[in-house]
């Protein structure tokens, strides 16, 4: 599981759920997954676009546009990765406003 911003978001507030882009040449290919501006379920608080860039080498990069203070202060998102079928993962942030 790849979780660039795991929270209760409604990603289709802009009419687009996810956008993708591929690039590079083997062995340096990559795919960009972008979630456009989202809103929290049951709230008007919005979070700007989130990107996960997956490189053929196994490198993973998460990118975020600057969040509003209301979104940062919410402090409920989980960020990290986890292998399927396991309990352990590699958390980066858990329920913090960082």
N, C-alpha and C. Protein backbone atom coordinates (compact mmCIF):
# COMPACT_ATOMS: atom_id res chain seq x y z
N UNK A 1 0.85 -1.15 0.00
CA UNK A 1 0.00 0.00 0.00
C UNK A 1 0.90 1.23 0.00
N UNK A 2 0.57 2.18 -0.83
CA UNK A 2 1.27 3.44 -0.88
C UNK A 2 0.28 4.51 -0.45
N UNK A 3 0.58 5.19 0.65
CA UNK A 3 -0.35 6.16 1.23
C UNK A 3 0.29 7.55 1.30
N UNK A 4 0.15 8.35 0.22
CA UNK A 4 0.71 9.69 0.27
C UNK A 4 -0.08 10.64 1.17
N UNK A 5 -1.35 10.34 1.41
CA UNK A 5 -2.17 11.15 2.31
C UNK A 5 -3.46 10.37 2.57
N UNK A 6 -3.40 9.44 3.53
CA UNK A 6 -4.52 8.55 3.80
C UNK A 6 -5.42 9.22 4.82
N UNK A 7 -6.57 9.67 4.36
CA UNK A 7 -7.54 10.35 5.22
C UNK A 7 -8.89 10.28 4.53
N UNK A 8 -9.90 10.82 5.15
CA UNK A 8 -11.26 10.79 4.60
C UNK A 8 -11.45 11.95 3.64
N UNK A 9 -10.94 11.78 2.42
CA UNK A 9 -11.02 12.83 1.40
C UNK A 9 -12.03 12.47 0.33
N UNK A 10 -12.58 13.46 -0.28
CA UNK A 10 -13.48 13.31 -1.43
C UNK A 10 -12.75 13.91 -2.62
N UNK A 11 -12.07 13.07 -3.42
CA UNK A 11 -11.18 13.60 -4.46
C UNK A 11 -11.85 14.17 -5.70
N UNK A 12 -13.15 14.03 -5.83
CA UNK A 12 -13.78 14.47 -7.08
C UNK A 12 -14.42 15.85 -6.99
N UNK A 13 -14.00 16.68 -6.05
CA UNK A 13 -14.59 18.02 -5.95
C UNK A 13 -14.28 18.86 -7.18
N UNK A 14 -13.22 18.53 -7.90
CA UNK A 14 -12.88 19.25 -9.12
C UNK A 14 -13.37 18.51 -10.37
N UNK A 15 -14.06 17.40 -10.18
CA UNK A 15 -14.56 16.63 -11.31
C UNK A 15 -13.60 15.58 -11.81
N UNK A 16 -12.40 15.49 -11.23
CA UNK A 16 -11.40 14.51 -11.65
C UNK A 16 -10.93 13.76 -10.42
N UNK A 17 -10.98 12.43 -10.46
CA UNK A 17 -10.58 11.63 -9.30
C UNK A 17 -9.07 11.45 -9.22
N UNK A 18 -8.42 11.15 -10.34
CA UNK A 18 -6.97 10.95 -10.34
C UNK A 18 -6.44 11.20 -11.75
N UNK A 19 -5.24 11.73 -11.82
CA UNK A 19 -4.58 11.96 -13.10
C UNK A 19 -3.27 11.19 -13.10
N UNK A 20 -2.85 10.71 -14.27
CA UNK A 20 -1.59 9.97 -14.36
C UNK A 20 -0.72 10.53 -15.47
N UNK A 21 0.57 10.32 -15.32
CA UNK A 21 1.56 10.73 -16.32
C UNK A 21 2.69 9.72 -16.25
N UNK A 22 3.16 9.26 -17.39
CA UNK A 22 4.32 8.37 -17.42
C UNK A 22 5.43 9.04 -18.19
N UNK A 23 6.67 8.67 -17.89
CA UNK A 23 7.80 9.26 -18.59
C UNK A 23 9.06 8.45 -18.39
N UNK A 24 10.13 8.94 -18.96
CA UNK A 24 11.43 8.30 -18.84
C UNK A 24 11.62 7.17 -19.83
N UNK A 25 12.83 6.64 -19.83
CA UNK A 25 13.22 5.54 -20.71
C UNK A 25 13.86 4.47 -19.83
N UNK A 26 13.58 3.19 -20.12
CA UNK A 26 14.13 2.09 -19.32
C UNK A 26 15.64 2.25 -19.21
N UNK A 27 16.20 2.09 -18.07
CA UNK A 27 15.64 1.63 -16.81
C UNK A 27 15.25 2.77 -15.86
N UNK A 28 14.93 3.93 -16.41
CA UNK A 28 14.61 5.10 -15.58
C UNK A 28 13.20 5.61 -15.81
N UNK A 29 12.25 4.70 -15.97
CA UNK A 29 10.86 5.12 -16.19
C UNK A 29 10.20 5.48 -14.86
N UNK A 30 9.11 6.22 -14.96
CA UNK A 30 8.37 6.62 -13.77
C UNK A 30 6.91 6.83 -14.13
N UNK A 31 6.07 6.79 -13.11
CA UNK A 31 4.66 7.13 -13.26
C UNK A 31 4.31 8.12 -12.15
N UNK A 32 3.57 9.15 -12.53
CA UNK A 32 3.10 10.15 -11.57
C UNK A 32 1.61 9.94 -11.39
N UNK A 33 1.17 9.78 -10.15
CA UNK A 33 -0.24 9.70 -9.82
C UNK A 33 -0.58 10.98 -9.07
N UNK A 34 -1.56 11.72 -9.57
CA UNK A 34 -1.92 12.97 -8.91
C UNK A 34 -3.40 12.98 -8.55
N UNK A 35 -3.66 13.31 -7.30
CA UNK A 35 -5.01 13.53 -6.83
C UNK A 35 -5.21 15.03 -6.81
N UNK A 36 -6.10 15.56 -7.67
CA UNK A 36 -6.33 17.01 -7.67
C UNK A 36 -6.91 17.47 -6.34
N UNK A 37 -7.12 18.75 -6.22
CA UNK A 37 -7.65 19.31 -4.97
C UNK A 37 -8.80 18.45 -4.45
N UNK A 38 -8.77 18.16 -3.15
CA UNK A 38 -9.77 17.31 -2.51
C UNK A 38 -10.39 18.05 -1.34
N UNK A 39 -11.53 17.59 -0.92
CA UNK A 39 -12.18 18.12 0.29
C UNK A 39 -12.35 16.97 1.27
N UNK A 40 -12.32 17.28 2.56
CA UNK A 40 -12.61 16.28 3.55
C UNK A 40 -14.09 15.97 3.51
N UNK A 41 -14.46 14.69 3.68
CA UNK A 41 -15.88 14.33 3.73
C UNK A 41 -16.56 15.12 4.84
N UNK A 42 -17.72 15.68 4.50
CA UNK A 42 -18.52 16.41 5.48
C UNK A 42 -17.93 17.74 5.90
N UNK A 43 -17.01 18.28 5.11
CA UNK A 43 -16.35 19.53 5.47
C UNK A 43 -16.07 20.34 4.21
N UNK A 44 -15.92 21.62 4.37
CA UNK A 44 -15.54 22.46 3.23
C UNK A 44 -14.02 22.69 3.21
N UNK A 45 -13.29 22.13 4.20
CA UNK A 45 -11.83 22.26 4.23
C UNK A 45 -11.24 21.52 3.05
N UNK A 46 -10.43 22.20 2.28
CA UNK A 46 -9.84 21.60 1.08
C UNK A 46 -8.35 21.36 1.26
N UNK A 47 -7.86 20.33 0.60
CA UNK A 47 -6.44 20.03 0.58
C UNK A 47 -5.96 20.10 -0.86
N UNK A 48 -4.87 20.81 -1.13
CA UNK A 48 -4.37 20.93 -2.51
C UNK A 48 -3.90 19.59 -3.07
N UNK A 49 -3.49 19.61 -4.31
CA UNK A 49 -3.09 18.40 -5.02
C UNK A 49 -1.99 17.63 -4.30
N UNK A 50 -2.06 16.32 -4.45
CA UNK A 50 -1.09 15.39 -3.86
C UNK A 50 -0.55 14.54 -4.99
N UNK A 51 0.77 14.31 -5.03
CA UNK A 51 1.37 13.47 -6.05
C UNK A 51 2.18 12.35 -5.42
N UNK A 52 2.10 11.17 -6.04
CA UNK A 52 2.99 10.05 -5.72
C UNK A 52 3.72 9.73 -7.01
N UNK A 53 5.04 9.78 -6.97
CA UNK A 53 5.86 9.47 -8.15
C UNK A 53 6.57 8.15 -7.88
N UNK A 54 6.30 7.16 -8.72
CA UNK A 54 6.85 5.82 -8.56
C UNK A 54 7.88 5.59 -9.66
N UNK A 55 9.13 5.38 -9.26
CA UNK A 55 10.22 5.18 -10.20
C UNK A 55 10.48 3.70 -10.41
N UNK A 56 10.93 3.35 -11.59
CA UNK A 56 11.24 1.97 -11.92
C UNK A 56 12.27 1.38 -10.97
N UNK A 57 13.14 2.19 -10.43
CA UNK A 57 14.18 1.74 -9.50
C UNK A 57 13.62 1.32 -8.14
N UNK A 58 12.34 1.68 -7.85
CA UNK A 58 11.73 1.39 -6.56
C UNK A 58 11.62 2.64 -5.69
N UNK A 59 12.25 3.71 -6.12
CA UNK A 59 12.16 4.97 -5.37
C UNK A 59 10.73 5.49 -5.43
N UNK A 60 10.25 6.05 -4.31
CA UNK A 60 8.92 6.63 -4.23
C UNK A 60 9.05 8.04 -3.68
N UNK A 61 8.41 8.99 -4.35
CA UNK A 61 8.44 10.39 -3.91
C UNK A 61 7.01 10.87 -3.75
N UNK A 62 6.70 11.47 -2.61
CA UNK A 62 5.41 12.11 -2.38
C UNK A 62 5.63 13.61 -2.46
N UNK A 63 4.72 14.32 -3.15
CA UNK A 63 4.80 15.77 -3.26
C UNK A 63 3.44 16.36 -2.93
N UNK A 64 3.46 17.54 -2.30
CA UNK A 64 2.24 18.19 -1.86
C UNK A 64 2.33 19.68 -2.20
N UNK A 65 1.23 20.23 -2.69
CA UNK A 65 1.16 21.69 -2.77
C UNK A 65 0.97 22.21 -1.36
N UNK A 66 1.29 23.43 -1.13
CA UNK A 66 1.17 24.01 0.20
C UNK A 66 -0.28 23.90 0.67
N UNK A 67 -0.48 23.32 1.84
CA UNK A 67 -1.83 23.13 2.38
C UNK A 67 -2.27 24.36 3.14
N UNK A 68 -3.56 24.57 3.17
CA UNK A 68 -4.10 25.65 3.99
C UNK A 68 -3.84 25.32 5.45
N UNK A 69 -3.84 26.33 6.32
CA UNK A 69 -3.60 26.06 7.74
C UNK A 69 -4.69 25.16 8.31
N UNK A 70 -5.92 25.29 7.82
CA UNK A 70 -7.00 24.43 8.32
C UNK A 70 -6.72 22.97 7.99
N UNK A 71 -6.21 22.69 6.80
CA UNK A 71 -5.90 21.31 6.42
C UNK A 71 -4.71 20.80 7.23
N UNK A 72 -3.68 21.62 7.41
CA UNK A 72 -2.52 21.19 8.20
C UNK A 72 -2.90 20.94 9.65
N UNK A 73 -3.74 21.79 10.20
CA UNK A 73 -4.10 21.68 11.61
C UNK A 73 -5.00 20.48 11.90
N UNK A 74 -5.60 19.90 10.86
CA UNK A 74 -6.48 18.75 11.07
C UNK A 74 -5.70 17.61 11.71
N UNK A 75 -4.49 17.36 11.23
CA UNK A 75 -3.61 16.39 11.87
C UNK A 75 -4.11 14.97 11.93
N UNK A 76 -4.81 14.49 10.89
CA UNK A 76 -5.34 13.13 10.96
C UNK A 76 -4.83 12.22 9.86
N UNK A 77 -4.04 12.71 8.94
CA UNK A 77 -3.60 11.89 7.81
C UNK A 77 -2.49 10.93 8.21
N UNK A 78 -2.42 9.84 7.47
CA UNK A 78 -1.33 8.89 7.61
C UNK A 78 -0.55 8.91 6.32
N UNK A 79 0.77 8.90 6.42
CA UNK A 79 1.64 8.94 5.25
C UNK A 79 2.67 7.83 5.42
N UNK A 80 2.83 6.99 4.38
CA UNK A 80 3.82 5.92 4.44
C UNK A 80 3.56 4.85 3.41
N UNK A 81 4.24 3.72 3.56
CA UNK A 81 4.08 2.57 2.66
C UNK A 81 3.98 1.30 3.51
N UNK A 82 3.38 0.26 2.92
CA UNK A 82 3.23 -1.02 3.63
C UNK A 82 3.17 -2.14 2.60
N UNK A 83 3.85 -3.24 2.88
CA UNK A 83 3.83 -4.40 1.99
C UNK A 83 2.55 -5.19 2.20
N UNK A 84 1.97 -5.67 1.12
CA UNK A 84 0.74 -6.46 1.18
C UNK A 84 0.94 -7.71 2.03
N UNK A 85 -0.07 -8.01 2.85
CA UNK A 85 -0.03 -9.23 3.64
C UNK A 85 0.80 -9.13 4.91
N UNK A 86 1.29 -7.94 5.23
CA UNK A 86 2.08 -7.77 6.45
C UNK A 86 1.42 -6.75 7.36
N UNK A 87 1.80 -6.77 8.61
CA UNK A 87 1.30 -5.79 9.56
C UNK A 87 2.24 -4.59 9.59
N UNK A 88 3.54 -4.87 9.48
CA UNK A 88 4.54 -3.81 9.56
C UNK A 88 4.59 -3.00 8.28
N UNK A 89 4.95 -1.75 8.42
CA UNK A 89 5.11 -0.88 7.27
C UNK A 89 6.18 0.14 7.57
N UNK A 90 6.25 1.14 6.74
CA UNK A 90 7.20 2.22 6.91
C UNK A 90 6.42 3.52 7.00
N UNK A 91 5.97 3.86 8.23
CA UNK A 91 5.21 5.11 8.38
C UNK A 91 6.14 6.31 8.37
N UNK A 92 5.69 7.39 7.79
CA UNK A 92 6.43 8.64 7.83
C UNK A 92 5.74 9.62 8.79
N UNK A 93 4.44 9.67 8.70
CA UNK A 93 3.68 10.57 9.54
C UNK A 93 2.36 9.89 9.90
N UNK A 94 1.97 10.02 11.15
CA UNK A 94 0.74 9.38 11.62
C UNK A 94 0.00 10.34 12.53
N UNK A 95 -1.15 10.84 12.04
CA UNK A 95 -2.00 11.74 12.83
C UNK A 95 -1.26 12.94 13.40
N UNK A 96 -0.42 13.56 12.57
CA UNK A 96 0.26 14.79 12.99
C UNK A 96 -0.05 15.88 11.99
N UNK A 97 0.16 17.09 12.40
CA UNK A 97 -0.09 18.24 11.52
C UNK A 97 1.20 18.73 10.89
N UNK A 98 2.05 17.82 10.43
CA UNK A 98 3.32 18.19 9.79
C UNK A 98 3.15 18.30 8.30
